[in-house]
Amino acid sequence: RADNSDQLIISSYEATNKSSSHTWLQETVRKFGYIDTLINCAGIFSKTPFLYKEEEEDNIYQVLNTNLMGPWILMRECWPELLKANNPRIIVLVSMSGKRSKSNLAAYTASKFALMGLCQTIRNEGWEKGVRITTICPGWVNTDMTENIRTIDKKEMTQTEDIAEICNCLLKLPNTAVPFEIALNCLLEK
C-alpha cells in the first residue's frame, strides 16, 4: 500500500501484446513526466523438453514471446525516454535458468539464455549513454509460478520482498558500482 497515491500508478503491460508497451509507457510518462527505471519481472514457466511433441511447439513460441520478446519490446519502447533520464537503470529478473541448464526444461531455459544474451547486448548499447542494466538470476522464488513445486518448501525459496530490497539497493548505487549480474541461490547449485 502506498502512503502517497500521487507516487503510484497501476498500469498493466501484457508481454504478448506489442501495443500494450506503448500504452504502458505513455501512461507512465503522462503521470510522472519521465521514466528513469524499468524493472522487468514477468515470465511463464514451461516443462517443454528438447524432444517435444508436435502439439507442444506452440508452447515454445509462447514461452519465447513472453520471456524474451515481452521484455525486449518494452525495453526498446522505453529506450528513448530512458536516454533522457539522469543515470537510467534497467533491472531484468532473468532466472538461474539463464545461466545454466538443469533437467530438461528446454523451452524455458532457451528463453532465459536468450534474455541473458539480450541484456548483455543492452549493456553494450547503453554503457556510453549512461544506461546501466542489471540481471538478477534467482533460483526458486516463492511466486505463483512455483505454486506447484513440491521439491522445496515455499519458506526455503527466495522471497519476493528480498528481490525488491535488492532492486532498491541497486537503484541507489552510482553508475560506477552497478553490477551486471546477481545470482541468487536458495539451494546449493552443484
N, C-alpha and C. Protein backbone atom coordinates (compact mmCIF):
# COMPACT_ATOMS: atom_id res chain seq x y z
N ARG A 1 0.84 -1.18 0.00
CA ARG A 1 0.00 0.00 0.00
C ARG A 1 0.88 1.23 0.00
N ALA A 2 0.61 2.14 -0.91
CA ALA A 2 1.38 3.39 -0.98
C ALA A 2 0.75 4.42 -0.06
N ASP A 3 1.57 5.12 0.69
CA ASP A 3 1.07 6.16 1.57
C ASP A 3 0.69 7.41 0.80
N ASN A 4 1.26 7.57 -0.38
CA ASN A 4 1.02 8.77 -1.16
C ASN A 4 0.60 8.36 -2.57
N SER A 5 -0.68 8.48 -2.89
CA SER A 5 -1.20 7.97 -4.16
C SER A 5 -0.64 8.68 -5.37
N ASP A 6 -0.09 9.88 -5.21
CA ASP A 6 0.49 10.57 -6.37
C ASP A 6 1.84 9.96 -6.77
N GLN A 7 2.34 9.03 -5.98
CA GLN A 7 3.59 8.35 -6.31
C GLN A 7 3.36 6.95 -6.85
N LEU A 8 2.12 6.62 -7.18
CA LEU A 8 1.77 5.28 -7.61
C LEU A 8 0.87 5.33 -8.85
N ILE A 9 1.16 4.45 -9.78
CA ILE A 9 0.28 4.24 -10.92
C ILE A 9 0.18 2.75 -11.15
N ILE A 10 -1.01 2.28 -11.41
CA ILE A 10 -1.20 0.88 -11.75
C ILE A 10 -1.58 0.85 -13.22
N SER A 11 -0.69 0.30 -14.01
CA SER A 11 -0.89 0.24 -15.45
C SER A 11 -0.36 -1.11 -15.92
N SER A 12 -1.20 -1.88 -16.57
CA SER A 12 -0.77 -3.23 -16.94
C SER A 12 0.01 -3.24 -18.25
N TYR A 13 0.86 -4.25 -18.36
CA TYR A 13 1.60 -4.50 -19.59
C TYR A 13 1.45 -5.97 -19.91
N GLU A 14 0.91 -6.28 -21.06
CA GLU A 14 0.74 -7.65 -21.50
C GLU A 14 1.89 -7.98 -22.44
N ALA A 15 2.77 -8.87 -21.99
CA ALA A 15 4.01 -9.17 -22.73
C ALA A 15 3.77 -9.66 -24.14
N THR A 16 2.65 -10.31 -24.39
CA THR A 16 2.40 -10.83 -25.73
C THR A 16 1.55 -9.90 -26.59
N ASN A 17 1.28 -8.70 -26.08
CA ASN A 17 0.52 -7.70 -26.83
C ASN A 17 1.44 -6.51 -27.07
N LYS A 18 2.01 -6.44 -28.26
CA LYS A 18 3.02 -5.43 -28.58
C LYS A 18 2.53 -4.00 -28.33
N SER A 19 1.29 -3.71 -28.63
CA SER A 19 0.81 -2.33 -28.46
C SER A 19 0.67 -1.93 -27.00
N SER A 20 0.59 -2.89 -26.09
CA SER A 20 0.44 -2.52 -24.68
C SER A 20 1.71 -1.87 -24.13
N SER A 21 2.87 -2.12 -24.72
CA SER A 21 4.10 -1.46 -24.25
C SER A 21 4.00 0.05 -24.48
N HIS A 22 3.46 0.45 -25.63
CA HIS A 22 3.30 1.88 -25.93
C HIS A 22 2.32 2.52 -24.95
N THR A 23 1.21 1.84 -24.69
CA THR A 23 0.21 2.35 -23.75
C THR A 23 0.81 2.48 -22.36
N TRP A 24 1.55 1.45 -21.92
CA TRP A 24 2.16 1.47 -20.60
C TRP A 24 3.12 2.66 -20.47
N LEU A 25 3.96 2.86 -21.48
CA LEU A 25 4.92 3.95 -21.44
C LEU A 25 4.21 5.30 -21.43
N GLN A 26 3.22 5.48 -22.28
CA GLN A 26 2.51 6.76 -22.34
C GLN A 26 1.82 7.09 -21.02
N GLU A 27 1.19 6.11 -20.40
CA GLU A 27 0.53 6.34 -19.12
C GLU A 27 1.53 6.71 -18.04
N THR A 28 2.67 6.05 -18.05
CA THR A 28 3.71 6.32 -17.05
C THR A 28 4.28 7.72 -17.23
N VAL A 29 4.63 8.08 -18.45
CA VAL A 29 5.20 9.41 -18.72
C VAL A 29 4.16 10.50 -18.44
N ARG A 30 2.90 10.23 -18.79
CA ARG A 30 1.84 11.21 -18.52
C ARG A 30 1.71 11.45 -17.01
N LYS A 31 1.82 10.41 -16.21
CA LYS A 31 1.67 10.53 -14.75
C LYS A 31 2.87 11.19 -14.09
N PHE A 32 4.08 10.78 -14.50
CA PHE A 32 5.29 11.23 -13.80
C PHE A 32 6.15 12.20 -14.60
N GLY A 33 5.91 12.33 -15.89
CA GLY A 33 6.68 13.25 -16.72
C GLY A 33 7.94 12.64 -17.32
N TYR A 34 8.36 11.49 -16.83
CA TYR A 34 9.57 10.85 -17.33
C TYR A 34 9.61 9.41 -16.83
N ILE A 35 10.58 8.66 -17.33
CA ILE A 35 10.86 7.32 -16.82
C ILE A 35 12.37 7.20 -16.69
N ASP A 36 12.84 6.76 -15.54
CA ASP A 36 14.28 6.62 -15.33
C ASP A 36 14.67 5.19 -14.97
N THR A 37 13.68 4.35 -14.69
CA THR A 37 13.95 2.97 -14.29
C THR A 37 12.90 2.05 -14.89
N LEU A 38 13.36 0.92 -15.34
CA LEU A 38 12.46 -0.11 -15.85
C LEU A 38 12.87 -1.43 -15.21
N ILE A 39 11.93 -2.08 -14.55
CA ILE A 39 12.19 -3.38 -13.93
C ILE A 39 11.28 -4.40 -14.60
N ASN A 40 11.89 -5.38 -15.26
CA ASN A 40 11.16 -6.46 -15.92
C ASN A 40 11.16 -7.67 -15.00
N CYS A 41 9.97 -8.10 -14.60
CA CYS A 41 9.91 -9.24 -13.67
C CYS A 41 8.75 -10.19 -13.98
N ALA A 42 8.47 -10.38 -15.23
CA ALA A 42 7.38 -11.29 -15.59
C ALA A 42 7.91 -12.41 -16.47
N GLY A 43 7.20 -13.51 -16.48
CA GLY A 43 7.58 -14.62 -17.33
C GLY A 43 6.64 -15.78 -17.11
N ILE A 44 6.78 -16.78 -17.95
CA ILE A 44 5.99 -18.00 -17.78
C ILE A 44 6.94 -19.19 -17.76
N PHE A 45 6.54 -20.20 -17.04
CA PHE A 45 7.34 -21.41 -16.88
C PHE A 45 6.84 -22.46 -17.86
N SER A 46 7.73 -23.31 -18.32
CA SER A 46 7.35 -24.37 -19.24
C SER A 46 8.22 -25.59 -18.99
N LYS A 47 7.60 -26.74 -19.06
CA LYS A 47 8.34 -28.00 -18.93
C LYS A 47 8.59 -28.64 -20.29
N THR A 48 8.38 -27.88 -21.37
CA THR A 48 8.55 -28.43 -22.71
C THR A 48 10.01 -28.86 -22.90
N PRO A 49 10.24 -30.14 -23.21
CA PRO A 49 11.60 -30.66 -23.34
C PRO A 49 12.19 -30.45 -24.73
N PHE A 50 13.45 -30.79 -24.86
CA PHE A 50 14.14 -30.72 -26.15
C PHE A 50 13.41 -31.57 -27.20
N LEU A 51 13.09 -32.80 -26.86
CA LEU A 51 12.38 -33.70 -27.78
C LEU A 51 10.88 -33.53 -27.56
N TYR A 52 10.39 -32.36 -27.91
CA TYR A 52 8.99 -32.02 -27.68
C TYR A 52 8.07 -32.75 -28.67
N LYS A 53 6.83 -32.87 -28.27
CA LYS A 53 5.80 -33.44 -29.15
C LYS A 53 5.31 -32.32 -30.06
N GLU A 54 4.85 -32.68 -31.24
CA GLU A 54 4.38 -31.68 -32.21
C GLU A 54 3.39 -30.71 -31.60
N GLU A 55 2.49 -31.21 -30.76
CA GLU A 55 1.47 -30.35 -30.16
C GLU A 55 2.05 -29.38 -29.13
N GLU A 56 3.31 -29.56 -28.74
CA GLU A 56 3.96 -28.66 -27.78
C GLU A 56 4.70 -27.50 -28.45
N GLU A 57 4.79 -27.51 -29.76
CA GLU A 57 5.56 -26.49 -30.45
C GLU A 57 5.01 -25.08 -30.21
N ASP A 58 3.70 -24.93 -30.19
CA ASP A 58 3.11 -23.61 -29.92
C ASP A 58 3.53 -23.09 -28.55
N ASN A 59 3.68 -24.01 -27.57
CA ASN A 59 4.13 -23.61 -26.24
C ASN A 59 5.51 -22.98 -26.28
N ILE A 60 6.38 -23.51 -27.11
CA ILE A 60 7.74 -22.96 -27.23
C ILE A 60 7.68 -21.51 -27.68
N TYR A 61 6.86 -21.25 -28.69
CA TYR A 61 6.73 -19.87 -29.19
C TYR A 61 6.09 -18.96 -28.14
N GLN A 62 5.14 -19.48 -27.38
CA GLN A 62 4.51 -18.69 -26.32
C GLN A 62 5.53 -18.32 -25.25
N VAL A 63 6.37 -19.27 -24.87
CA VAL A 63 7.41 -19.01 -23.86
C VAL A 63 8.42 -17.99 -24.39
N LEU A 64 8.87 -18.15 -25.63
CA LEU A 64 9.81 -17.19 -26.21
C LEU A 64 9.19 -15.81 -26.34
N ASN A 65 7.94 -15.74 -26.77
CA ASN A 65 7.26 -14.45 -26.92
C ASN A 65 7.08 -13.74 -25.59
N THR A 66 6.80 -14.50 -24.55
CA THR A 66 6.60 -13.89 -23.23
C THR A 66 7.92 -13.56 -22.55
N ASN A 67 8.80 -14.55 -22.44
CA ASN A 67 10.02 -14.40 -21.64
C ASN A 67 11.12 -13.60 -22.32
N LEU A 68 11.17 -13.62 -23.64
CA LEU A 68 12.21 -12.89 -24.37
C LEU A 68 11.64 -11.64 -25.05
N MET A 69 10.66 -11.84 -25.89
CA MET A 69 10.15 -10.71 -26.68
C MET A 69 9.39 -9.70 -25.84
N GLY A 70 8.69 -10.15 -24.80
CA GLY A 70 7.96 -9.22 -23.93
C GLY A 70 8.89 -8.16 -23.33
N PRO A 71 9.95 -8.58 -22.62
CA PRO A 71 10.89 -7.58 -22.10
C PRO A 71 11.60 -6.80 -23.21
N TRP A 72 11.96 -7.47 -24.30
CA TRP A 72 12.68 -6.81 -25.39
C TRP A 72 11.83 -5.66 -25.95
N ILE A 73 10.57 -5.94 -26.25
CA ILE A 73 9.69 -4.92 -26.82
C ILE A 73 9.53 -3.75 -25.84
N LEU A 74 9.33 -4.04 -24.56
CA LEU A 74 9.15 -2.97 -23.58
C LEU A 74 10.42 -2.15 -23.41
N MET A 75 11.57 -2.79 -23.33
CA MET A 75 12.83 -2.05 -23.17
C MET A 75 13.10 -1.19 -24.41
N ARG A 76 12.83 -1.71 -25.57
CA ARG A 76 13.01 -0.95 -26.81
C ARG A 76 12.08 0.26 -26.84
N GLU A 77 10.84 0.07 -26.44
CA GLU A 77 9.85 1.15 -26.41
C GLU A 77 10.28 2.25 -25.44
N CYS A 78 10.83 1.86 -24.29
CA CYS A 78 11.22 2.82 -23.25
C CYS A 78 12.58 3.46 -23.49
N TRP A 79 13.37 2.91 -24.39
CA TRP A 79 14.76 3.36 -24.60
C TRP A 79 14.88 4.87 -24.80
N PRO A 80 14.12 5.50 -25.71
CA PRO A 80 14.29 6.96 -25.89
C PRO A 80 14.01 7.75 -24.61
N GLU A 81 13.02 7.32 -23.84
CA GLU A 81 12.73 8.01 -22.57
C GLU A 81 13.83 7.78 -21.55
N LEU A 82 14.35 6.56 -21.48
CA LEU A 82 15.43 6.27 -20.55
C LEU A 82 16.66 7.12 -20.85
N LEU A 83 16.95 7.32 -22.14
CA LEU A 83 18.13 8.11 -22.52
C LEU A 83 18.01 9.57 -22.08
N LYS A 84 16.82 10.05 -21.83
CA LYS A 84 16.62 11.43 -21.36
C LYS A 84 16.88 11.56 -19.86
N ALA A 85 16.89 10.45 -19.15
CA ALA A 85 16.98 10.46 -17.69
C ALA A 85 18.42 10.57 -17.22
N ASN A 86 18.57 10.96 -15.97
CA ASN A 86 19.87 11.01 -15.31
C ASN A 86 20.11 9.64 -14.68
N ASN A 87 21.17 8.95 -15.07
CA ASN A 87 21.51 7.62 -14.55
C ASN A 87 20.37 6.60 -14.73
N PRO A 88 19.92 6.39 -15.95
CA PRO A 88 18.82 5.45 -16.18
C PRO A 88 19.23 4.02 -15.85
N ARG A 89 18.26 3.26 -15.34
CA ARG A 89 18.51 1.89 -14.92
C ARG A 89 17.49 0.94 -15.51
N ILE A 90 17.95 -0.25 -15.82
CA ILE A 90 17.09 -1.36 -16.21
C ILE A 90 17.49 -2.54 -15.34
N ILE A 91 16.49 -3.17 -14.76
CA ILE A 91 16.71 -4.40 -13.98
C ILE A 91 15.84 -5.47 -14.61
N VAL A 92 16.45 -6.62 -14.87
CA VAL A 92 15.71 -7.72 -15.50
C VAL A 92 15.84 -8.96 -14.63
N LEU A 93 14.69 -9.48 -14.19
CA LEU A 93 14.67 -10.75 -13.47
C LEU A 93 14.77 -11.84 -14.52
N VAL A 94 15.95 -12.42 -14.66
CA VAL A 94 16.17 -13.42 -15.70
C VAL A 94 15.83 -14.80 -15.15
N SER A 95 16.66 -15.36 -14.32
CA SER A 95 16.50 -16.69 -13.72
C SER A 95 17.86 -17.36 -13.74
N MET A 96 18.07 -18.28 -12.80
CA MET A 96 19.29 -19.09 -12.87
C MET A 96 19.27 -19.92 -14.15
N SER A 97 18.09 -20.14 -14.71
CA SER A 97 17.99 -20.89 -15.97
C SER A 97 18.56 -20.11 -17.14
N GLY A 98 18.90 -18.87 -16.95
CA GLY A 98 19.59 -18.10 -17.98
C GLY A 98 21.09 -18.23 -17.88
N LYS A 99 21.56 -18.96 -16.86
CA LYS A 99 22.99 -19.14 -16.64
C LYS A 99 23.42 -20.60 -16.77
N ARG A 100 22.47 -21.52 -16.54
CA ARG A 100 22.79 -22.94 -16.60
C ARG A 100 21.53 -23.71 -16.94
N SER A 101 21.71 -24.92 -17.39
CA SER A 101 20.57 -25.76 -17.72
C SER A 101 20.49 -26.91 -16.73
N LYS A 102 19.33 -27.05 -16.12
CA LYS A 102 19.08 -28.18 -15.22
C LYS A 102 17.85 -28.91 -15.74
N SER A 103 17.85 -30.19 -15.60
CA SER A 103 16.73 -31.00 -16.04
C SER A 103 16.57 -30.90 -17.55
N ASN A 104 15.35 -31.00 -18.03
CA ASN A 104 15.09 -30.96 -19.47
C ASN A 104 14.02 -29.92 -19.78
N LEU A 105 14.22 -28.72 -19.27
CA LEU A 105 13.28 -27.61 -19.46
C LEU A 105 13.74 -26.77 -20.65
N ALA A 106 13.76 -27.37 -21.82
CA ALA A 106 14.38 -26.74 -22.99
C ALA A 106 13.75 -25.40 -23.37
N ALA A 107 12.45 -25.32 -23.44
CA ALA A 107 11.80 -24.07 -23.87
C ALA A 107 12.09 -22.95 -22.87
N TYR A 108 11.89 -23.22 -21.59
CA TYR A 108 12.12 -22.21 -20.56
C TYR A 108 13.58 -21.78 -20.53
N THR A 109 14.47 -22.76 -20.50
CA THR A 109 15.90 -22.45 -20.44
C THR A 109 16.36 -21.67 -21.66
N ALA A 110 15.92 -22.06 -22.84
CA ALA A 110 16.31 -21.34 -24.07
C ALA A 110 15.83 -19.90 -24.02
N SER A 111 14.62 -19.68 -23.51
CA SER A 111 14.11 -18.31 -23.43
C SER A 111 14.93 -17.47 -22.46
N LYS A 112 15.37 -18.07 -21.38
CA LYS A 112 16.14 -17.33 -20.37
C LYS A 112 17.59 -17.09 -20.80
N PHE A 113 18.20 -18.06 -21.50
CA PHE A 113 19.53 -17.83 -22.06
C PHE A 113 19.47 -16.70 -23.08
N ALA A 114 18.43 -16.70 -23.91
CA ALA A 114 18.28 -15.65 -24.91
C ALA A 114 18.08 -14.30 -24.25
N LEU A 115 17.30 -14.25 -23.17
CA LEU A 115 17.10 -12.99 -22.45
C LEU A 115 18.41 -12.49 -21.85
N MET A 116 19.21 -13.40 -21.32
CA MET A 116 20.51 -13.02 -20.76
C MET A 116 21.41 -12.43 -21.86
N GLY A 117 21.41 -13.04 -23.03
CA GLY A 117 22.19 -12.52 -24.15
C GLY A 117 21.71 -11.14 -24.58
N LEU A 118 20.39 -10.96 -24.61
CA LEU A 118 19.83 -9.65 -24.95
C LEU A 118 20.29 -8.60 -23.94
N CYS A 119 20.27 -8.95 -22.67
CA CYS A 119 20.70 -8.00 -21.63
C CYS A 119 22.18 -7.63 -21.78
N GLN A 120 23.01 -8.58 -22.18
CA GLN A 120 24.43 -8.27 -22.41
C GLN A 120 24.56 -7.28 -23.57
N THR A 121 23.75 -7.45 -24.60
CA THR A 121 23.77 -6.53 -25.74
C THR A 121 23.28 -5.15 -25.32
N ILE A 122 22.24 -5.08 -24.49
CA ILE A 122 21.74 -3.80 -24.00
C ILE A 122 22.81 -3.11 -23.16
N ARG A 123 23.54 -3.88 -22.36
CA ARG A 123 24.65 -3.30 -21.59
C ARG A 123 25.65 -2.64 -22.53
N ASN A 124 26.00 -3.32 -23.60
CA ASN A 124 26.95 -2.77 -24.57
C ASN A 124 26.40 -1.51 -25.24
N GLU A 125 25.13 -1.57 -25.63
CA GLU A 125 24.48 -0.45 -26.31
C GLU A 125 24.35 0.78 -25.42
N GLY A 126 24.04 0.56 -24.15
CA GLY A 126 23.75 1.69 -23.27
C GLY A 126 24.89 2.22 -22.44
N TRP A 127 26.00 1.51 -22.40
CA TRP A 127 27.08 1.88 -21.48
C TRP A 127 27.53 3.33 -21.66
N GLU A 128 27.91 3.70 -22.85
CA GLU A 128 28.42 5.06 -23.10
C GLU A 128 27.34 6.12 -22.94
N LYS A 129 26.08 5.70 -22.99
CA LYS A 129 24.95 6.62 -22.84
C LYS A 129 24.53 6.74 -21.38
N GLY A 130 25.20 6.02 -20.49
CA GLY A 130 24.91 6.09 -19.06
C GLY A 130 23.84 5.13 -18.58
N VAL A 131 23.32 4.29 -19.46
CA VAL A 131 22.31 3.30 -19.06
C VAL A 131 23.02 2.12 -18.40
N ARG A 132 22.55 1.74 -17.23
CA ARG A 132 23.08 0.57 -16.55
C ARG A 132 21.98 -0.47 -16.43
N ILE A 133 22.32 -1.70 -16.75
CA ILE A 133 21.39 -2.81 -16.68
C ILE A 133 21.94 -3.86 -15.74
N THR A 134 21.06 -4.41 -14.92
CA THR A 134 21.43 -5.48 -14.01
C THR A 134 20.48 -6.65 -14.23
N THR A 135 21.05 -7.83 -14.35
CA THR A 135 20.25 -9.04 -14.42
C THR A 135 20.26 -9.70 -13.04
N ILE A 136 19.10 -10.05 -12.57
CA ILE A 136 19.00 -10.79 -11.31
C ILE A 136 18.59 -12.21 -11.69
N CYS A 137 19.39 -13.16 -11.26
CA CYS A 137 19.19 -14.56 -11.67
C CYS A 137 18.91 -15.42 -10.45
N PRO A 138 17.65 -15.47 -10.02
CA PRO A 138 17.32 -16.31 -8.86
C PRO A 138 17.01 -17.73 -9.26
N GLY A 139 17.15 -18.62 -8.29
CA GLY A 139 16.65 -19.98 -8.45
C GLY A 139 15.16 -19.95 -8.16
N TRP A 140 14.69 -20.80 -7.28
CA TRP A 140 13.27 -20.83 -6.95
C TRP A 140 12.86 -19.58 -6.18
N VAL A 141 11.78 -18.95 -6.64
CA VAL A 141 11.22 -17.78 -5.97
C VAL A 141 9.78 -18.10 -5.60
N ASN A 142 9.38 -17.73 -4.42
CA ASN A 142 8.04 -18.02 -3.93
C ASN A 142 7.02 -17.10 -4.61
N THR A 143 6.56 -17.52 -5.79
CA THR A 143 5.57 -16.79 -6.58
C THR A 143 4.52 -17.76 -7.09
N ASP A 144 3.55 -17.24 -7.82
CA ASP A 144 2.53 -18.09 -8.43
C ASP A 144 3.17 -19.11 -9.38
N MET A 145 4.29 -18.73 -10.01
CA MET A 145 4.94 -19.62 -10.97
C MET A 145 5.42 -20.91 -10.31
N THR A 146 5.76 -20.85 -9.04
CA THR A 146 6.28 -22.02 -8.34
C THR A 146 5.23 -22.67 -7.44
N GLU A 147 3.99 -22.31 -7.64
CA GLU A 147 2.90 -22.82 -6.81
C GLU A 147 2.85 -24.35 -6.75
N ASN A 148 3.14 -25.01 -7.87
CA ASN A 148 3.05 -26.47 -7.92
C ASN A 148 4.36 -27.19 -7.65
N ILE A 149 5.41 -26.46 -7.29
CA ILE A 149 6.70 -27.08 -6.99
C ILE A 149 6.64 -27.69 -5.59
N ARG A 150 6.98 -28.96 -5.51
CA ARG A 150 6.91 -29.68 -4.23
C ARG A 150 8.29 -30.12 -3.74
N THR A 151 9.34 -29.87 -4.49
CA THR A 151 10.67 -30.33 -4.12
C THR A 151 11.35 -29.42 -3.10
N ILE A 152 10.78 -28.25 -2.88
CA ILE A 152 11.33 -27.31 -1.90
C ILE A 152 10.18 -26.56 -1.25
N ASP A 153 10.28 -26.39 0.05
CA ASP A 153 9.26 -25.67 0.81
C ASP A 153 9.26 -24.19 0.41
N LYS A 154 8.10 -23.58 0.36
CA LYS A 154 7.96 -22.17 -0.05
C LYS A 154 8.78 -21.24 0.85
N LYS A 155 8.90 -21.58 2.11
CA LYS A 155 9.67 -20.76 3.05
C LYS A 155 11.16 -20.81 2.75
N GLU A 156 11.61 -21.88 2.07
CA GLU A 156 13.02 -22.03 1.73
C GLU A 156 13.37 -21.38 0.40
N MET A 157 12.37 -20.97 -0.34
CA MET A 157 12.60 -20.28 -1.62
C MET A 157 12.99 -18.82 -1.36
N THR A 158 13.59 -18.19 -2.35
CA THR A 158 13.83 -16.75 -2.27
C THR A 158 12.47 -16.06 -2.24
N GLN A 159 12.34 -15.07 -1.41
CA GLN A 159 11.07 -14.36 -1.25
C GLN A 159 11.06 -13.09 -2.12
N THR A 160 9.89 -12.73 -2.60
CA THR A 160 9.78 -11.57 -3.50
C THR A 160 10.22 -10.28 -2.82
N GLU A 161 9.95 -10.14 -1.55
CA GLU A 161 10.35 -8.91 -0.85
C GLU A 161 11.87 -8.79 -0.76
N ASP A 162 12.58 -9.92 -0.76
CA ASP A 162 14.05 -9.87 -0.76
C ASP A 162 14.57 -9.38 -2.11
N ILE A 163 13.92 -9.82 -3.19
CA ILE A 163 14.31 -9.32 -4.51
C ILE A 163 13.98 -7.83 -4.62
N ALA A 164 12.85 -7.41 -4.08
CA ALA A 164 12.50 -5.99 -4.10
C ALA A 164 13.56 -5.17 -3.35
N GLU A 165 14.06 -5.69 -2.25
CA GLU A 165 15.09 -4.98 -1.48
C GLU A 165 16.40 -4.88 -2.28
N ILE A 166 16.74 -5.94 -3.00
CA ILE A 166 17.93 -5.89 -3.86
C ILE A 166 17.76 -4.82 -4.93
N CYS A 167 16.58 -4.77 -5.55
CA CYS A 167 16.31 -3.75 -6.57
C CYS A 167 16.45 -2.36 -5.97
N ASN A 168 15.90 -2.17 -4.79
CA ASN A 168 16.00 -0.87 -4.11
C ASN A 168 17.46 -0.47 -3.89
N CYS A 169 18.28 -1.42 -3.46
CA CYS A 169 19.71 -1.13 -3.25
C CYS A 169 20.41 -0.80 -4.57
N LEU A 170 20.08 -1.54 -5.62
CA LEU A 170 20.69 -1.29 -6.93
C LEU A 170 20.44 0.13 -7.42
N LEU A 171 19.23 0.61 -7.17
CA LEU A 171 18.86 1.94 -7.66
C LEU A 171 19.58 3.06 -6.92
N LYS A 172 20.15 2.77 -5.78
CA LYS A 172 20.88 3.77 -5.00
C LYS A 172 22.36 3.84 -5.37
N LEU A 173 22.85 2.87 -6.13
CA LEU A 173 24.28 2.81 -6.46
C LEU A 173 24.65 3.81 -7.54
N PRO A 174 25.87 4.34 -7.49
CA PRO A 174 26.33 5.20 -8.58
C PRO A 174 26.65 4.35 -9.81
N ASN A 175 26.67 4.97 -10.98
CA ASN A 175 26.94 4.24 -12.21
C ASN A 175 28.27 3.48 -12.20
N THR A 176 29.18 3.91 -11.35
CA THR A 176 30.48 3.26 -11.28
C THR A 176 30.46 1.97 -10.45
N ALA A 177 29.31 1.63 -9.86
CA ALA A 177 29.26 0.46 -8.98
C ALA A 177 28.04 -0.43 -9.24
N VAL A 178 27.44 -0.34 -10.41
CA VAL A 178 26.25 -1.13 -10.71
C VAL A 178 26.68 -2.49 -11.28
N PRO A 179 26.35 -3.59 -10.61
CA PRO A 179 26.71 -4.91 -11.14
C PRO A 179 25.84 -5.27 -12.33
N PHE A 180 26.39 -6.03 -13.26
CA PHE A 180 25.59 -6.51 -14.38
C PHE A 180 24.76 -7.71 -13.98
N GLU A 181 25.30 -8.56 -13.13
CA GLU A 181 24.63 -9.83 -12.83
C GLU A 181 24.67 -10.13 -11.35
N ILE A 182 23.52 -10.55 -10.85
CA ILE A 182 23.41 -11.01 -9.46
C ILE A 182 22.75 -12.38 -9.48
N ALA A 183 23.46 -13.38 -8.99
CA ALA A 183 22.91 -14.73 -8.89
C ALA A 183 22.41 -14.94 -7.46
N LEU A 184 21.18 -15.44 -7.34
CA LEU A 184 20.60 -15.70 -6.02
C LEU A 184 20.30 -17.19 -5.92
N ASN A 185 20.80 -17.79 -4.88
CA ASN A 185 20.56 -19.22 -4.69
C ASN A 185 19.85 -19.47 -3.39
N CYS A 186 18.76 -20.20 -3.45
CA CYS A 186 18.11 -20.68 -2.23
C CYS A 186 18.51 -22.12 -1.94
N LEU A 187 19.08 -22.77 -2.96
CA LEU A 187 19.61 -24.12 -2.84
C LEU A 187 21.05 -24.13 -3.31
N LEU A 188 21.84 -25.04 -2.81
CA LEU A 188 23.21 -25.17 -3.26
C LEU A 188 23.22 -25.64 -4.72
N GLU A 189 23.86 -24.87 -5.58
CA GLU A 189 23.97 -25.24 -7.01
C GLU A 189 25.21 -26.10 -7.17
N LYS A 190 25.05 -27.29 -7.77
CA LYS A 190 26.18 -28.19 -7.98
C LYS A 190 26.46 -28.33 -9.45
